Amino acid sequence: MANYCEVCHKGIMSGMNVSHSHLKTKRKWKPNIQHVRAVVDGEIKRVNVCTRCLRSGKVQRAI
């Protein structure tokens, strides 16, 4: 599955885990991407969309 939203282009972010002793290790934050059927330009297509875009109504799901 794709690692970014095709609507808002949200993708993987990187950063550090920081322990109590302040040791740091790399980590990733992945967006919640769903593969849904949606109406795009009047056609039904399968798109990878984050749940924030689905919930806010930026994407119209096809039934």
PDB file of N, CA and C in Angstrom:
ATOM      1  N   MET A   1       0.836  -1.176   0.000  1.00  0.00           N
ATOM      2  CA  MET A   1       0.000   0.000   0.000  1.00  0.00           C
ATOM      3  C   MET A   1       0.883   1.243   0.000  1.00  0.00           C
ATOM      4  N   ALA A   2       0.382   2.293  -0.595  1.00  0.00           N
ATOM      5  CA  ALA A   2       1.156   3.527  -0.691  1.00  0.00           C
ATOM      6  C   ALA A   2       1.372   4.134   0.694  1.00  0.00           C
ATOM      7  N   ASN A   3       2.424   4.895   0.805  1.00  0.00           N
ATOM      8  CA  ASN A   3       2.767   5.513   2.077  1.00  0.00           C
ATOM      9  C   ASN A   3       2.372   6.979   2.136  1.00  0.00           C
ATOM     10  N   TYR A   4       1.503   7.421   1.199  1.00  0.00           N
ATOM     11  CA  TYR A   4       1.070   8.810   1.254  1.00  0.00           C
ATOM     12  C   TYR A   4      -0.378   8.916   0.786  1.00  0.00           C
ATOM     13  N   CYS A   5      -1.022  10.005   1.192  1.00  0.00           N
ATOM     14  CA  CYS A   5      -2.398  10.282   0.809  1.00  0.00           C
ATOM     15  C   CYS A   5      -2.393  10.984  -0.543  1.00  0.00           C
ATOM     16  N   GLU A   6      -3.230  10.520  -1.468  1.00  0.00           N
ATOM     17  CA  GLU A   6      -3.285  11.104  -2.803  1.00  0.00           C
ATOM     18  C   GLU A   6      -4.068  12.412  -2.831  1.00  0.00           C
ATOM     19  N   VAL A   7      -4.715  12.784  -1.725  1.00  0.00           N
ATOM     20  CA  VAL A   7      -5.480  14.029  -1.662  1.00  0.00           C
ATOM     21  C   VAL A   7      -4.650  15.131  -1.022  1.00  0.00           C
ATOM     22  N   CYS A   8      -4.155  14.894   0.188  1.00  0.00           N
ATOM     23  CA  CYS A   8      -3.426  15.943   0.916  1.00  0.00           C
ATOM     24  C   CYS A   8      -1.916  15.717   0.901  1.00  0.00           C
ATOM     25  N   HIS A   9      -1.468  14.619   0.317  1.00  0.00           N
ATOM     26  CA  HIS A   9      -0.045  14.273   0.197  1.00  0.00           C
ATOM     27  C   HIS A   9       0.649  14.091   1.544  1.00  0.00           C
ATOM     28  N   LYS A  10      -0.133  13.688   2.547  1.00  0.00           N
ATOM     29  CA  LYS A  10       0.462  13.373   3.843  1.00  0.00           C
ATOM     30  C   LYS A  10       1.268  12.089   3.699  1.00  0.00           C
ATOM     31  N   GLY A  11       2.475  12.051   4.265  1.00  0.00           N
ATOM     32  CA  GLY A  11       3.330  10.880   4.137  1.00  0.00           C
ATOM     33  C   GLY A  11       3.997  10.514   5.447  1.00  0.00           C
ATOM     34  N   ILE A  12       4.985   9.647   5.356  1.00  0.00           N
ATOM     35  CA  ILE A  12       5.714   9.198   6.534  1.00  0.00           C
ATOM     36  C   ILE A  12       6.551  10.340   7.088  1.00  0.00           C
ATOM     37  N   MET A  13       6.505  10.501   8.414  1.00  0.00           N
ATOM     38  CA  MET A  13       7.353  11.474   9.090  1.00  0.00           C
ATOM     39  C   MET A  13       8.369  10.717   9.928  1.00  0.00           C
ATOM     40  N   SER A  14       9.547  11.280  10.073  1.00  0.00           N
ATOM     41  CA  SER A  14      10.574  10.619  10.872  1.00  0.00           C
ATOM     42  C   SER A  14      10.918  11.483  12.068  1.00  0.00           C
ATOM     43  N   GLY A  15      11.470  10.827  13.064  1.00  0.00           N
ATOM     44  CA  GLY A  15      11.860  11.528  14.281  1.00  0.00           C
ATOM     45  C   GLY A  15      12.641  10.587  15.168  1.00  0.00           C
ATOM     46  N   MET A  16      12.622  10.866  16.441  1.00  0.00           N
ATOM     47  CA  MET A  16      13.394  10.095  17.407  1.00  0.00           C
ATOM     48  C   MET A  16      12.511   9.616  18.553  1.00  0.00           C
ATOM     49  N   ASN A  17      12.747   8.366  18.983  1.00  0.00           N
ATOM     50  CA  ASN A  17      12.271   7.926  20.283  1.00  0.00           C
ATOM     51  C   ASN A  17      13.245   8.480  21.300  1.00  0.00           C
ATOM     52  N   VAL A  18      12.751   9.080  22.369  1.00  0.00           N
ATOM     53  CA  VAL A  18      13.629   9.630  23.397  1.00  0.00           C
ATOM     54  C   VAL A  18      13.278   8.948  24.706  1.00  0.00           C
ATOM     55  N   SER A  19      14.247   8.224  25.268  1.00  0.00           N
ATOM     56  CA  SER A  19      14.021   7.490  26.510  1.00  0.00           C
ATOM     57  C   SER A  19      14.156   8.426  27.711  1.00  0.00           C
ATOM     58  N   HIS A  20      13.857   7.886  28.880  1.00  0.00           N
ATOM     59  CA  HIS A  20      13.973   8.668  30.117  1.00  0.00           C
ATOM     60  C   HIS A  20      15.409   9.133  30.345  1.00  0.00           C
ATOM     61  N   SER A  21      16.389   8.306  29.926  1.00  0.00           N
ATOM     62  CA  SER A  21      17.791   8.684  30.072  1.00  0.00           C
ATOM     63  C   SER A  21      18.284   9.534  28.897  1.00  0.00           C
ATOM     64  N   HIS A  22      17.357   9.924  28.018  1.00  0.00           N
ATOM     65  CA  HIS A  22      17.603  10.800  26.878  1.00  0.00           C
ATOM     66  C   HIS A  22      18.426  10.129  25.775  1.00  0.00           C
ATOM     67  N   LEU A  23      18.425   8.772  25.726  1.00  0.00           N
ATOM     68  CA  LEU A  23      18.998   8.070  24.583  1.00  0.00           C
ATOM     69  C   LEU A  23      18.013   8.189  23.427  1.00  0.00           C
ATOM     70  N   LYS A  24      18.510   8.352  22.209  1.00  0.00           N
ATOM     71  CA  LYS A  24      17.649   8.575  21.058  1.00  0.00           C
ATOM     72  C   LYS A  24      17.838   7.479  20.014  1.00  0.00           C
ATOM     73  N   THR A  25      16.724   6.989  19.484  1.00  0.00           N
ATOM     74  CA  THR A  25      16.736   6.043  18.368  1.00  0.00           C
ATOM     75  C   THR A  25      15.732   6.532  17.331  1.00  0.00           C
ATOM     76  N   LYS A  26      16.032   6.244  16.061  1.00  0.00           N
ATOM     77  CA  LYS A  26      15.155   6.701  14.988  1.00  0.00           C
ATOM     78  C   LYS A  26      13.842   5.931  14.985  1.00  0.00           C
ATOM     79  N   ARG A  27      12.769   6.610  14.578  1.00  0.00           N
ATOM     80  CA  ARG A  27      11.463   5.986  14.432  1.00  0.00           C
ATOM     81  C   ARG A  27      10.696   6.677  13.324  1.00  0.00           C
ATOM     82  N   LYS A  28       9.545   6.087  12.938  1.00  0.00           N
ATOM     83  CA  LYS A  28       8.702   6.645  11.884  1.00  0.00           C
ATOM     84  C   LYS A  28       7.267   6.753  12.378  1.00  0.00           C
ATOM     85  N   TRP A  29       6.570   7.772  11.901  1.00  0.00           N
ATOM     86  CA  TRP A  29       5.139   7.898  12.095  1.00  0.00           C
ATOM     87  C   TRP A  29       4.491   7.717  10.736  1.00  0.00           C
ATOM     88  N   LYS A  30       3.597   6.720  10.630  1.00  0.00           N
ATOM     89  CA  LYS A  30       2.934   6.449   9.355  1.00  0.00           C
ATOM     90  C   LYS A  30       1.484   6.934   9.420  1.00  0.00           C
ATOM     91  N   PRO A  31       1.015   7.579   8.355  1.00  0.00           N
ATOM     92  CA  PRO A  31      -0.390   8.003   8.331  1.00  0.00           C
ATOM     93  C   PRO A  31      -1.304   6.794   8.144  1.00  0.00           C
ATOM     94  N   ASN A  32      -2.542   6.944   8.588  1.00  0.00           N
ATOM     95  CA  ASN A  32      -3.534   5.879   8.448  1.00  0.00           C
ATOM     96  C   ASN A  32      -4.119   5.963   7.042  1.00  0.00           C
ATOM     97  N   ILE A  33      -3.555   5.201   6.112  1.00  0.00           N
ATOM     98  CA  ILE A  33      -3.947   5.245   4.710  1.00  0.00           C
ATOM     99  C   ILE A  33      -4.921   4.101   4.414  1.00  0.00           C
ATOM    100  N   GLN A  34      -6.037   4.455   3.764  1.00  0.00           N
ATOM    101  CA  GLN A  34      -7.039   3.470   3.379  1.00  0.00           C
ATOM    102  C   GLN A  34      -7.150   3.444   1.857  1.00  0.00           C
ATOM    103  N   HIS A  35      -7.311   2.248   1.294  1.00  0.00           N
ATOM    104  CA  HIS A  35      -7.484   2.069  -0.155  1.00  0.00           C
ATOM    105  C   HIS A  35      -8.984   1.999  -0.398  1.00  0.00           C
ATOM    106  N   VAL A  36      -9.571   3.087  -0.922  1.00  0.00           N
ATOM    107  CA  VAL A  36     -11.027   3.169  -1.056  1.00  0.00           C
ATOM    108  C   VAL A  36     -11.429   3.453  -2.496  1.00  0.00           C
ATOM    109  N   ARG A  37     -12.684   3.099  -2.820  1.00  0.00           N
ATOM    110  CA  ARG A  37     -13.273   3.473  -4.098  1.00  0.00           C
ATOM    111  C   ARG A  37     -13.900   4.845  -3.910  1.00  0.00           C
ATOM    112  N   ALA A  38     -13.495   5.796  -4.747  1.00  0.00           N
ATOM    113  CA  ALA A  38     -13.984   7.161  -4.605  1.00  0.00           C
ATOM    114  C   ALA A  38     -14.330   7.734  -5.968  1.00  0.00           C
ATOM    115  N   VAL A  39     -15.154   8.767  -5.951  1.00  0.00           N
ATOM    116  CA  VAL A  39     -15.529   9.461  -7.178  1.00  0.00           C
ATOM    117  C   VAL A  39     -14.496  10.552  -7.440  1.00  0.00           C
ATOM    118  N   VAL A  40     -13.760  10.404  -8.553  1.00  0.00           N
ATOM    119  CA  VAL A  40     -12.735  11.368  -8.939  1.00  0.00           C
ATOM    120  C   VAL A  40     -13.042  11.826 -10.361  1.00  0.00           C
ATOM    121  N   ASP A  41     -13.319  13.114 -10.526  1.00  0.00           N
ATOM    122  CA  ASP A  41     -13.663  13.688 -11.838  1.00  0.00           C
ATOM    123  C   ASP A  41     -14.820  12.942 -12.500  1.00  0.00           C
ATOM    124  N   GLY A  42     -15.819  12.553 -11.726  1.00  0.00           N
ATOM    125  CA  GLY A  42     -16.994  11.875 -12.262  1.00  0.00           C
ATOM    126  C   GLY A  42     -16.815  10.391 -12.509  1.00  0.00           C
ATOM    127  N   GLU A  43     -15.629   9.856 -12.270  1.00  0.00           N
ATOM    128  CA  GLU A  43     -15.358   8.432 -12.451  1.00  0.00           C
ATOM    129  C   GLU A  43     -15.068   7.785 -11.107  1.00  0.00           C
ATOM    130  N   ILE A  44     -15.375   6.504 -11.023  1.00  0.00           N
ATOM    131  CA  ILE A  44     -15.061   5.751  -9.804  1.00  0.00           C
ATOM    132  C   ILE A  44     -13.665   5.176  -9.950  1.00  0.00           C
ATOM    133  N   LYS A  45     -12.778   5.526  -9.010  1.00  0.00           N
ATOM    134  CA  LYS A  45     -11.404   5.039  -9.030  1.00  0.00           C
ATOM    135  C   LYS A  45     -11.017   4.578  -7.631  1.00  0.00           C
ATOM    136  N   ARG A  46      -9.997   3.728  -7.589  1.00  0.00           N
ATOM    137  CA  ARG A  46      -9.445   3.321  -6.301  1.00  0.00           C
ATOM    138  C   ARG A  46      -8.303   4.270  -5.964  1.00  0.00           C
ATOM    139  N   VAL A  47      -8.378   4.878  -4.793  1.00  0.00           N
ATOM    140  CA  VAL A  47      -7.366   5.844  -4.380  1.00  0.00           C
ATOM    141  C   VAL A  47      -6.912   5.535  -2.958  1.00  0.00           C
ATOM    142  N   ASN A  48      -5.691   5.942  -2.643  1.00  0.00           N
ATOM    143  CA  ASN A  48      -5.144   5.812  -1.300  1.00  0.00           C
ATOM    144  C   ASN A  48      -5.365   7.142  -0.590  1.00  0.00           C
ATOM    145  N   VAL A  49      -6.163   7.116   0.483  1.00  0.00           N
ATOM    146  CA  VAL A  49      -6.572   8.333   1.161  1.00  0.00           C
ATOM    147  C   VAL A  49      -6.383   8.159   2.658  1.00  0.00           C
ATOM    148  N   CYS A  50      -5.935   9.220   3.329  1.00  0.00           N
ATOM    149  CA  CYS A  50      -5.806   9.154   4.783  1.00  0.00           C
ATOM    150  C   CYS A  50      -7.185   9.302   5.425  1.00  0.00           C
ATOM    151  N   THR A  51      -7.337   8.835   6.626  1.00  0.00           N
ATOM    152  CA  THR A  51      -8.626   8.859   7.298  1.00  0.00           C
ATOM    153  C   THR A  51      -9.061  10.277   7.619  1.00  0.00           C
ATOM    154  N   ARG A  52      -8.153  11.206   7.773  1.00  0.00           N
ATOM    155  CA  ARG A  52      -8.516  12.597   8.017  1.00  0.00           C
ATOM    156  C   ARG A  52      -9.270  13.168   6.817  1.00  0.00           C
ATOM    157  N   CYS A  53      -8.812  12.863   5.589  1.00  0.00           N
ATOM    158  CA  CYS A  53      -9.487  13.337   4.379  1.00  0.00           C
ATOM    159  C   CYS A  53     -10.848  12.663   4.212  1.00  0.00           C
ATOM    160  N   LEU A  54     -10.945  11.381   4.551  1.00  0.00           N
ATOM    161  CA  LEU A  54     -12.227  10.690   4.478  1.00  0.00           C
ATOM    162  C   LEU A  54     -13.221  11.308   5.452  1.00  0.00           C
ATOM    163  N   ARG A  55     -12.786  11.573   6.657  1.00  0.00           N
ATOM    164  CA  ARG A  55     -13.664  12.066   7.704  1.00  0.00           C
ATOM    165  C   ARG A  55     -14.097  13.501   7.455  1.00  0.00           C
ATOM    166  N   SER A  56     -13.212  14.313   6.861  1.00  0.00           N
ATOM    167  CA  SER A  56     -13.526  15.718   6.643  1.00  0.00           C
ATOM    168  C   SER A  56     -14.352  15.949   5.387  1.00  0.00           C
ATOM    169  N   GLY A  57     -14.545  14.909   4.573  1.00  0.00           N
ATOM    170  CA  GLY A  57     -15.377  15.041   3.390  1.00  0.00           C
ATOM    171  C   GLY A  57     -14.637  15.521   2.158  1.00  0.00           C
ATOM    172  N   LYS A  58     -13.319  15.478   2.157  1.00  0.00           N
ATOM    173  CA  LYS A  58     -12.551  15.878   0.991  1.00  0.00           C
ATOM    174  C   LYS A  58     -12.659  14.851  -0.131  1.00  0.00           C
ATOM    175  N   VAL A  59     -13.097  13.626   0.229  1.00  0.00           N
ATOM    176  CA  VAL A  59     -13.238  12.539  -0.740  1.00  0.00           C
ATOM    177  C   VAL A  59     -14.656  12.010  -0.650  1.00  0.00           C
ATOM    178  N   GLN A  60     -15.302  11.833  -1.805  1.00  0.00           N
ATOM    179  CA  GLN A  60     -16.638  11.249  -1.831  1.00  0.00           C
ATOM    180  C   GLN A  60     -16.517   9.777  -2.156  1.00  0.00           C
ATOM    181  N   ARG A  61     -16.873   8.928  -1.210  1.00  0.00           N
ATOM    182  CA  ARG A  61     -16.767   7.488  -1.434  1.00  0.00           C
ATOM    183  C   ARG A  61     -17.831   7.019  -2.412  1.00  0.00           C
ATOM    184  N   ALA A  62     -17.455   6.035  -3.224  1.00  0.00           N
ATOM    185  CA  ALA A  62     -18.396   5.438  -4.174  1.00  0.00           C
ATOM    186  C   ALA A  62     -19.019   4.197  -3.541  1.00  0.00           C
ATOM    187  N   ILE A  63     -20.293   4.008  -3.781  1.00  0.00           N
ATOM    188  CA  ILE A  63     -20.993   2.860  -3.189  1.00  0.00           C
ATOM    189  C   ILE A  63     -21.383   1.882  -4.272  1.00  0.00           C
TER     190      ILE A  63
END
